[in-house]
Amino acid sequence: MINLLELTKYFGKLCAVDALTLQVDAGEIFGFLGPNGAGKTTTINMLTGLLRPTSGTATLGGYDIQEQSLQAKAILGLMPDTPQLYEALTGRQFVRMIADLYEVPPRQAENEMAVLLEQLELADAADDQIKGYSYGMQKKILLISLLVHHPKILFLDEPTSGLDPRSARTVREILRKRCEQGCTVFMTTHILEIAEQICDRVGIISKGRLIAVGTLSELQQKKRDLRAQSADVNQQAETLEDIFLDLTAE
């Protein structure tokens, strides 16, 4: 569903993303992890057409994001870490506006919105102006607006930041259900415990380069193999946090 081939981005002499090659399958929740400044947001911006790569290609559902941008953008949804919403609108008006842009039938949009507002405990604030929403509420209304039009691919930058534990758990459950229905999720997070709980696979990027990719068990096995080569007798399974910190150590 997502295919990157030698995707590269320079800002002047700085290589922010270096020859990134990666495939993400339909129905997969893929965690894209890395330290601050590793190239995560730059990658998402290239994948969603907000930033033109210096070289390389990216296709979404078979559509080249640069050459077939309208078709590619029609099947994706993007939630940046910092939402930028129309604050004069109410939450309900904002969701209706996005649904209209994607030509979702009004009755379907209303029904889906009602369910999601209840699930994310935002029904009581749906008719309040967004300018009065907290950061977490803004993220929830943005996510609802994305889910209503049923994108084939969701790009989520820190989707649970700013959310209380109950809402974060609900978001994880919603995302898993959508993936069971065929949606693909490409997400970043600094909360590695969440990535460990929800992601089918993860990729770890450091200084613009993809340094590891796989399931948690695959990454653990990779670590065990490296230890065996170095005669390290410590063979216990490691958490994703342990692996991440080890691989991204200076």
Protein backbone atom coordinates (compact mmCIF):
# COMPACT_ATOMS: atom_id res chain seq x y z
CA MET A 1 0.00 0.00 0.00
CA ILE A 2 2.95 2.34 0.74
CA ASN A 3 6.09 1.94 -1.32
CA LEU A 4 9.20 4.10 -0.90
CA LEU A 5 12.19 3.72 -3.19
CA GLU A 6 15.42 5.58 -2.45
CA LEU A 7 13.41 8.51 -1.08
CA THR A 8 15.82 11.34 -0.28
CA LYS A 9 15.50 14.92 0.93
CA TYR A 10 18.20 17.54 1.27
CA PHE A 11 17.84 20.95 2.86
CA GLY A 12 20.87 22.69 1.45
CA LYS A 13 23.78 20.45 2.41
CA LEU A 14 21.84 18.71 5.17
CA CYS A 15 20.50 15.26 4.27
CA ALA A 16 17.28 14.96 6.26
CA VAL A 17 16.17 11.65 4.70
CA ASP A 18 18.77 9.43 3.06
CA ALA A 19 17.75 6.91 0.36
CA LEU A 20 14.79 5.52 2.31
CA THR A 21 13.41 2.29 0.84
CA LEU A 22 10.43 0.73 2.59
CA GLN A 23 7.18 -1.14 1.96
CA VAL A 24 4.08 -1.12 4.17
CA ASP A 25 1.26 -3.58 3.48
CA ALA A 26 -2.48 -2.98 3.42
CA GLY A 27 -4.09 -3.45 6.82
CA GLU A 28 -0.82 -2.91 8.67
CA ILE A 29 -0.11 -0.54 11.55
CA PHE A 30 3.46 0.56 10.94
CA GLY A 31 5.37 2.52 13.57
CA PHE A 32 7.98 4.94 12.27
CA LEU A 33 10.31 5.66 15.17
CA GLY A 34 13.35 7.80 15.70
CA PRO A 35 14.95 10.51 17.85
CA ASN A 36 14.06 14.17 17.41
CA GLY A 37 15.43 15.41 14.10
CA ALA A 38 15.82 11.90 12.67
CA GLY A 39 13.66 12.65 9.60
CA LYS A 40 10.25 11.27 10.62
CA THR A 41 8.13 14.34 9.92
CA THR A 42 10.10 15.13 6.76
CA THR A 43 9.30 11.64 5.51
CA ILE A 44 5.59 12.01 6.27
CA ASN A 45 5.53 15.40 4.56
CA MET A 46 7.02 13.84 1.43
CA LEU A 47 4.61 10.91 1.54
CA THR A 48 1.60 13.22 1.79
CA GLY A 49 2.70 15.63 -0.93
CA LEU A 50 3.50 18.54 1.38
CA LEU A 51 7.20 18.37 0.51
CA ARG A 52 8.88 17.45 -2.76
CA PRO A 53 11.71 14.93 -2.42
CA THR A 54 15.16 15.70 -3.75
CA SER A 55 15.19 12.27 -5.37
CA GLY A 56 13.48 8.90 -5.16
CA THR A 57 9.82 7.96 -5.40
CA ALA A 58 6.85 7.19 -3.16
CA THR A 59 3.61 5.53 -4.17
CA LEU A 60 0.40 5.23 -2.15
CA GLY A 61 -2.03 2.58 -3.28
CA GLY A 62 -0.16 2.47 -6.56
CA TYR A 63 -0.33 6.25 -7.12
CA ASP A 64 2.86 8.28 -7.35
CA ILE A 65 2.49 11.08 -4.79
CA GLN A 66 4.24 13.56 -7.10
CA GLU A 67 2.97 12.50 -10.52
CA GLN A 68 -0.56 11.46 -9.44
CA SER A 69 -1.01 13.68 -6.41
CA LEU A 70 -4.79 14.13 -6.65
CA GLN A 71 -5.44 10.38 -6.78
CA ALA A 72 -2.95 9.72 -3.99
CA LYS A 73 -4.29 12.46 -1.72
CA ALA A 74 -7.86 11.23 -2.24
CA ILE A 75 -7.06 7.97 -0.43
CA LEU A 76 -5.05 9.35 2.50
CA GLY A 77 -5.68 11.17 5.74
CA LEU A 78 -3.06 13.17 7.65
CA MET A 79 -2.98 14.11 11.32
CA PRO A 80 0.07 16.27 12.12
CA ASP A 81 1.42 16.52 15.64
CA THR A 82 0.13 20.10 15.89
CA PRO A 83 -3.39 20.42 14.43
CA GLN A 84 -4.17 23.58 12.47
CA LEU A 85 -7.95 23.84 12.39
CA TYR A 86 -10.57 26.45 11.54
CA GLU A 87 -11.12 27.69 15.07
CA ALA A 88 -14.25 29.73 14.27
CA LEU A 89 -16.08 26.53 13.33
CA THR A 90 -17.65 24.14 15.79
CA GLY A 91 -16.30 20.64 15.93
CA ARG A 92 -19.38 19.32 14.14
CA GLN A 93 -19.10 21.95 11.39
CA PHE A 94 -15.45 21.11 10.85
CA VAL A 95 -16.16 17.39 10.44
CA ARG A 96 -19.03 18.14 8.03
CA MET A 97 -16.75 20.38 5.98
CA ILE A 98 -14.10 17.66 5.61
CA ALA A 99 -16.78 15.07 4.80
CA ASP A 100 -18.15 17.36 2.08
CA LEU A 101 -14.68 17.83 0.59
CA TYR A 102 -14.36 14.06 0.24
CA GLU A 103 -17.94 13.78 -1.06
CA VAL A 104 -19.14 11.57 1.75
CA PRO A 105 -22.96 11.24 1.60
CA PRO A 106 -24.41 13.55 4.31
CA ARG A 107 -26.42 10.88 6.12
CA GLN A 108 -23.43 8.53 6.21
CA ALA A 109 -21.20 11.33 7.49
CA GLU A 110 -23.66 12.25 10.24
CA ASN A 111 -24.04 8.64 11.38
CA GLU A 112 -20.30 8.00 11.44
CA MET A 113 -19.59 11.29 13.18
CA ALA A 114 -22.15 10.56 15.90
CA VAL A 115 -20.54 7.20 16.68
CA LEU A 116 -17.00 8.61 16.74
CA LEU A 117 -17.99 11.60 18.88
CA GLU A 118 -19.41 9.22 21.47
CA GLN A 119 -16.42 6.88 21.33
CA LEU A 120 -13.96 9.73 21.85
CA GLU A 121 -16.13 11.45 24.50
CA LEU A 122 -16.52 14.61 22.45
CA ALA A 123 -20.28 14.60 21.84
CA ASP A 124 -21.00 17.24 24.49
CA ALA A 125 -18.48 19.65 22.92
CA ALA A 126 -19.34 18.98 19.27
CA ASP A 127 -21.29 22.23 18.93
CA ASP A 128 -18.68 24.38 20.68
CA GLN A 129 -16.21 26.44 18.68
CA ILE A 130 -12.86 24.77 18.15
CA LYS A 131 -11.06 27.82 19.53
CA GLY A 132 -12.22 26.71 22.96
CA TYR A 133 -10.90 23.16 22.57
CA SER A 134 -7.89 21.86 24.42
CA TYR A 135 -4.97 20.40 22.46
CA GLY A 136 -6.26 16.87 23.06
CA MET A 137 -9.78 17.79 21.94
CA GLN A 138 -8.40 19.34 18.75
CA LYS A 139 -6.54 16.13 17.98
CA LYS A 140 -9.66 14.08 18.56
CA ILE A 141 -11.89 16.21 16.30
CA LEU A 142 -9.23 16.11 13.58
CA LEU A 143 -9.03 12.33 13.84
CA ILE A 144 -12.81 12.08 13.60
CA SER A 145 -12.79 14.23 10.46
CA LEU A 146 -10.25 11.85 8.91
CA LEU A 147 -12.04 8.66 9.87
CA VAL A 148 -15.41 9.82 8.52
CA HIS A 149 -14.21 9.66 4.91
CA HIS A 150 -12.59 6.21 5.37
CA PRO A 151 -9.14 6.83 3.90
CA LYS A 152 -7.19 3.81 2.71
CA ILE A 153 -4.04 5.19 4.37
CA LEU A 154 -3.74 7.18 7.60
CA PHE A 155 -0.58 9.14 8.40
CA LEU A 156 -0.55 9.98 12.10
CA ASP A 157 2.17 12.07 13.72
CA GLU A 158 2.08 11.41 17.49
CA PRO A 159 -1.62 10.42 17.46
CA THR A 160 -1.97 9.91 21.21
CA SER A 161 0.04 12.87 22.48
CA GLY A 162 -2.14 15.20 24.54
CA LEU A 163 -4.77 12.53 25.13
CA ASP A 164 -5.80 11.15 28.49
CA PRO A 165 -5.22 7.40 29.00
CA ARG A 166 -8.84 6.45 28.26
CA SER A 167 -8.92 8.41 25.00
CA ALA A 168 -5.51 7.07 23.96
CA ARG A 169 -6.75 3.52 24.49
CA THR A 170 -9.90 4.25 22.48
CA VAL A 171 -7.82 5.64 19.63
CA ARG A 172 -5.71 2.47 19.58
CA GLU A 173 -8.86 0.33 19.47
CA ILE A 174 -10.36 2.40 16.64
CA LEU A 175 -7.17 2.20 14.60
CA ARG A 176 -6.92 -1.55 15.03
CA LYS A 177 -10.52 -2.01 13.92
CA ARG A 178 -9.97 0.19 10.85
CA CYS A 179 -6.90 -1.83 9.90
CA GLU A 180 -8.92 -5.03 10.19
CA GLN A 181 -11.19 -3.42 7.58
CA GLY A 182 -8.24 -2.79 5.25
CA CYS A 183 -6.95 0.64 6.25
CA THR A 184 -3.18 1.12 6.54
CA VAL A 185 -1.72 3.22 9.36
CA PHE A 186 1.71 4.86 9.22
CA MET A 187 2.38 6.49 12.58
CA THR A 188 5.12 8.13 14.56
CA THR A 189 5.30 8.15 18.33
CA HIS A 190 7.84 8.84 21.05
CA ILE A 191 5.85 6.62 23.43
CA LEU A 192 7.53 3.32 22.64
CA GLU A 193 5.22 1.35 24.89
CA ILE A 194 2.32 2.36 22.62
CA ALA A 195 4.27 1.35 19.53
CA GLU A 196 5.01 -2.00 21.14
CA GLN A 197 1.34 -2.53 21.98
CA ILE A 198 -0.26 -1.54 18.68
CA CYS A 199 2.21 -1.73 15.78
CA ASP A 200 2.50 -4.81 13.59
CA ARG A 201 5.98 -3.71 12.53
CA VAL A 202 8.24 -0.78 13.25
CA GLY A 203 10.98 1.00 11.37
CA ILE A 204 13.69 2.90 13.23
CA ILE A 205 15.25 5.91 11.54
CA SER A 206 18.34 7.73 12.77
CA LYS A 207 20.06 10.68 11.10
CA GLY A 208 17.89 10.23 8.05
CA ARG A 209 18.72 6.54 7.50
CA LEU A 210 16.52 3.52 8.15
CA ILE A 211 18.59 1.39 10.53
CA ALA A 212 16.12 -1.37 11.44
CA VAL A 213 12.71 -2.65 10.39
CA GLY A 214 10.59 -5.60 11.49
CA THR A 215 8.29 -6.99 14.15
CA LEU A 216 9.36 -6.76 17.79
CA SER A 217 10.32 -10.44 17.78
CA GLU A 218 12.39 -9.97 14.61
CA LEU A 219 14.23 -7.03 16.14
CA GLN A 220 14.81 -8.99 19.34
CA GLN A 221 16.24 -11.87 17.30
CA LYS A 222 18.49 -9.45 15.43
CA LYS A 223 19.82 -8.20 18.76
CA ARG A 224 20.40 -11.77 19.98
CA ASP A 225 22.30 -12.61 16.80
CA LEU A 226 24.51 -9.56 17.21
CA ARG A 227 25.21 -10.47 20.82
CA ALA A 228 26.07 -14.04 19.85
CA GLN A 229 28.62 -12.71 17.36
CA SER A 230 30.17 -10.58 20.07
CA ALA A 231 30.12 -13.40 22.64
CA ASP A 232 27.77 -11.39 24.89
CA VAL A 233 26.15 -13.91 27.23
CA ASN A 234 23.23 -11.63 28.09
CA GLN A 235 20.51 -13.15 25.88
CA GLN A 236 17.29 -11.99 27.52
CA ALA A 237 14.46 -10.59 25.37
CA GLU A 238 14.44 -6.82 25.22
CA THR A 239 11.61 -4.32 25.04
CA LEU A 240 11.23 -2.06 22.03
CA GLU A 241 12.54 0.77 24.20
CA ASP A 242 15.74 -1.19 24.91
CA ILE A 243 16.27 -1.93 21.23
CA PHE A 244 15.51 1.64 20.19
CA LEU A 245 17.90 3.18 22.70
CA ASP A 246 20.65 0.75 21.76
CA LEU A 247 20.29 1.21 18.00
CA THR A 248 20.06 5.01 18.16
CA ALA A 249 22.86 5.52 20.69
CA GLU A 250 25.50 8.01 19.59
